Amino acid sequence: MKLTLALLSSLLLSAGLASATDTGVPTTYPLKKCVVSDEELGGMGKPVKVTHEGTDVYLCCKSCLKDFNKDPVKFVAKVKAAEKK
């Protein structure tokens, strides 16, 4: 049973079908890049999740949090626009 699960998991990963839980970003999140730095989410370690007025936003790293907090409405708008596509 364990071997079957390991094989299936390996196949899913190699096919690119595994969920994004390995990066900590849900597969339903509409963006693959940080709204602040435009770096790939998960490329700099585990992404940082912030929530502003009910909208979850994932940043590539803690360093982006300072810029996000300067104008959160701007960055939340990017997430909402991507959700509409």
C-alpha atoms as a PDB file:
ATOM      1  CA  MET A   1       0.000   0.000   0.000  1.00  0.00           C
ATOM      2  CA  LYS A   2       2.784   2.452   0.944  1.00  0.00           C
ATOM      3  CA  LEU A   3       4.641   1.673  -2.252  1.00  0.00           C
ATOM      4  CA  THR A   4       1.502   2.332  -4.304  1.00  0.00           C
ATOM      5  CA  LEU A   5       0.959   5.699  -2.611  1.00  0.00           C
ATOM      6  CA  ALA A   6       4.587   6.667  -3.073  1.00  0.00           C
ATOM      7  CA  LEU A   7       4.464   5.718  -6.744  1.00  0.00           C
ATOM      8  CA  LEU A   8       1.229   7.622  -7.313  1.00  0.00           C
ATOM      9  CA  SER A   9       2.598  10.681  -5.531  1.00  0.00           C
ATOM     10  CA  SER A  10       5.757  10.534  -7.609  1.00  0.00           C
ATOM     11  CA  LEU A  11       3.781  10.298 -10.832  1.00  0.00           C
ATOM     12  CA  LEU A  12       1.576  13.240  -9.895  1.00  0.00           C
ATOM     13  CA  LEU A  13       4.573  15.382  -9.039  1.00  0.00           C
ATOM     14  CA  SER A  14       6.375  14.535 -12.244  1.00  0.00           C
ATOM     15  CA  ALA A  15       3.235  15.265 -14.258  1.00  0.00           C
ATOM     16  CA  GLY A  16       2.751  18.606 -12.517  1.00  0.00           C
ATOM     17  CA  LEU A  17      -0.638  17.554 -11.191  1.00  0.00           C
ATOM     18  CA  ALA A  18       0.077  17.745  -7.479  1.00  0.00           C
ATOM     19  CA  SER A  19      -1.562  20.477  -5.448  1.00  0.00           C
ATOM     20  CA  ALA A  20       0.343  23.581  -4.490  1.00  0.00           C
ATOM     21  CA  THR A  21       0.323  22.607  -0.832  1.00  0.00           C
ATOM     22  CA  ASP A  22       4.079  22.042  -1.004  1.00  0.00           C
ATOM     23  CA  THR A  23       4.454  25.839  -1.350  1.00  0.00           C
ATOM     24  CA  GLY A  24       1.680  26.603   1.099  1.00  0.00           C
ATOM     25  CA  VAL A  25      -0.380  28.380  -1.559  1.00  0.00           C
ATOM     26  CA  PRO A  26      -3.811  26.882  -2.288  1.00  0.00           C
ATOM     27  CA  THR A  27      -4.368  25.667  -5.831  1.00  0.00           C
ATOM     28  CA  THR A  28      -7.368  28.006  -6.000  1.00  0.00           C
ATOM     29  CA  TYR A  29      -5.197  31.105  -5.529  1.00  0.00           C
ATOM     30  CA  PRO A  30      -5.241  32.923  -8.897  1.00  0.00           C
ATOM     31  CA  LEU A  31      -1.622  34.098  -9.021  1.00  0.00           C
ATOM     32  CA  LYS A  32       1.710  32.307  -9.329  1.00  0.00           C
ATOM     33  CA  LYS A  33       3.827  35.387  -8.604  1.00  0.00           C
ATOM     34  CA  CYS A  34       4.106  37.829  -5.728  1.00  0.00           C
ATOM     35  CA  VAL A  35       1.974  40.956  -6.220  1.00  0.00           C
ATOM     36  CA  VAL A  36       4.724  43.105  -4.700  1.00  0.00           C
ATOM     37  CA  SER A  37       7.984  41.839  -6.225  1.00  0.00           C
ATOM     38  CA  ASP A  38       6.746  39.736  -9.168  1.00  0.00           C
ATOM     39  CA  GLU A  39       8.902  36.842  -7.892  1.00  0.00           C
ATOM     40  CA  GLU A  40       7.523  33.315  -8.192  1.00  0.00           C
ATOM     41  CA  LEU A  41       5.619  32.183  -5.097  1.00  0.00           C
ATOM     42  CA  GLY A  42       7.656  29.501  -3.375  1.00  0.00           C
ATOM     43  CA  GLY A  43      10.851  30.578  -5.106  1.00  0.00           C
ATOM     44  CA  MET A  44      12.161  32.248  -1.958  1.00  0.00           C
ATOM     45  CA  GLY A  45      10.939  29.754   0.597  1.00  0.00           C
ATOM     46  CA  LYS A  46       7.464  29.405   1.996  1.00  0.00           C
ATOM     47  CA  PRO A  47       5.227  32.295   0.889  1.00  0.00           C
ATOM     48  CA  VAL A  48       3.807  34.686   3.477  1.00  0.00           C
ATOM     49  CA  LYS A  49       0.018  34.894   3.711  1.00  0.00           C
ATOM     50  CA  VAL A  50      -1.623  38.187   4.619  1.00  0.00           C
ATOM     51  CA  THR A  51      -5.327  38.941   4.732  1.00  0.00           C
ATOM     52  CA  HIS A  52      -6.682  42.402   4.022  1.00  0.00           C
ATOM     53  CA  GLU A  53     -10.411  43.056   4.352  1.00  0.00           C
ATOM     54  CA  GLY A  54     -11.207  39.380   3.806  1.00  0.00           C
ATOM     55  CA  THR A  55      -8.915  38.809   0.824  1.00  0.00           C
ATOM     56  CA  ASP A  56      -5.948  36.479   1.202  1.00  0.00           C
ATOM     57  CA  VAL A  57      -2.762  37.622  -0.493  1.00  0.00           C
ATOM     58  CA  TYR A  58       0.399  35.520  -0.770  1.00  0.00           C
ATOM     59  CA  LEU A  59       3.765  37.251  -0.846  1.00  0.00           C
ATOM     60  CA  CYS A  60       7.048  35.628  -1.849  1.00  0.00           C
ATOM     61  CA  CYS A  61       8.800  36.596   1.396  1.00  0.00           C
ATOM     62  CA  LYS A  62       8.609  38.632   4.600  1.00  0.00           C
ATOM     63  CA  SER A  63      10.522  41.476   2.968  1.00  0.00           C
ATOM     64  CA  CYS A  64       7.530  42.213   0.726  1.00  0.00           C
ATOM     65  CA  LEU A  65       5.268  42.685   3.727  1.00  0.00           C
ATOM     66  CA  LYS A  66       6.580  46.218   4.356  1.00  0.00           C
ATOM     67  CA  ASP A  67       5.718  47.352   0.815  1.00  0.00           C
ATOM     68  CA  PHE A  68       2.381  45.541   0.935  1.00  0.00           C
ATOM     69  CA  ASN A  69       1.428  47.397   4.120  1.00  0.00           C
ATOM     70  CA  LYS A  70       2.184  50.771   2.485  1.00  0.00           C
ATOM     71  CA  ASP A  71      -0.670  50.271  -0.017  1.00  0.00           C
ATOM     72  CA  PRO A  72      -2.602  47.039   0.610  1.00  0.00           C
ATOM     73  CA  VAL A  73      -5.585  48.155  -1.490  1.00  0.00           C
ATOM     74  CA  LYS A  74      -3.364  48.309  -4.585  1.00  0.00           C
ATOM     75  CA  PHE A  75      -2.115  44.756  -4.105  1.00  0.00           C
ATOM     76  CA  VAL A  76      -5.496  43.298  -3.143  1.00  0.00           C
ATOM     77  CA  ALA A  77      -6.871  44.785  -6.367  1.00  0.00           C
ATOM     78  CA  LYS A  78      -4.316  42.720  -8.330  1.00  0.00           C
ATOM     79  CA  VAL A  79      -5.546  39.522  -6.663  1.00  0.00           C
ATOM     80  CA  LYS A  80      -9.194  40.401  -7.272  1.00  0.00           C
ATOM     81  CA  ALA A  81      -8.492  41.219 -10.927  1.00  0.00           C
ATOM     82  CA  ALA A  82      -6.787  37.855 -11.380  1.00  0.00           C
ATOM     83  CA  GLU A  83      -9.759  36.090  -9.767  1.00  0.00           C
ATOM     84  CA  LYS A  84     -12.094  37.607 -12.371  1.00  0.00           C
ATOM     85  CA  LYS A  85     -10.060  36.204 -15.293  1.00  0.00           C
END
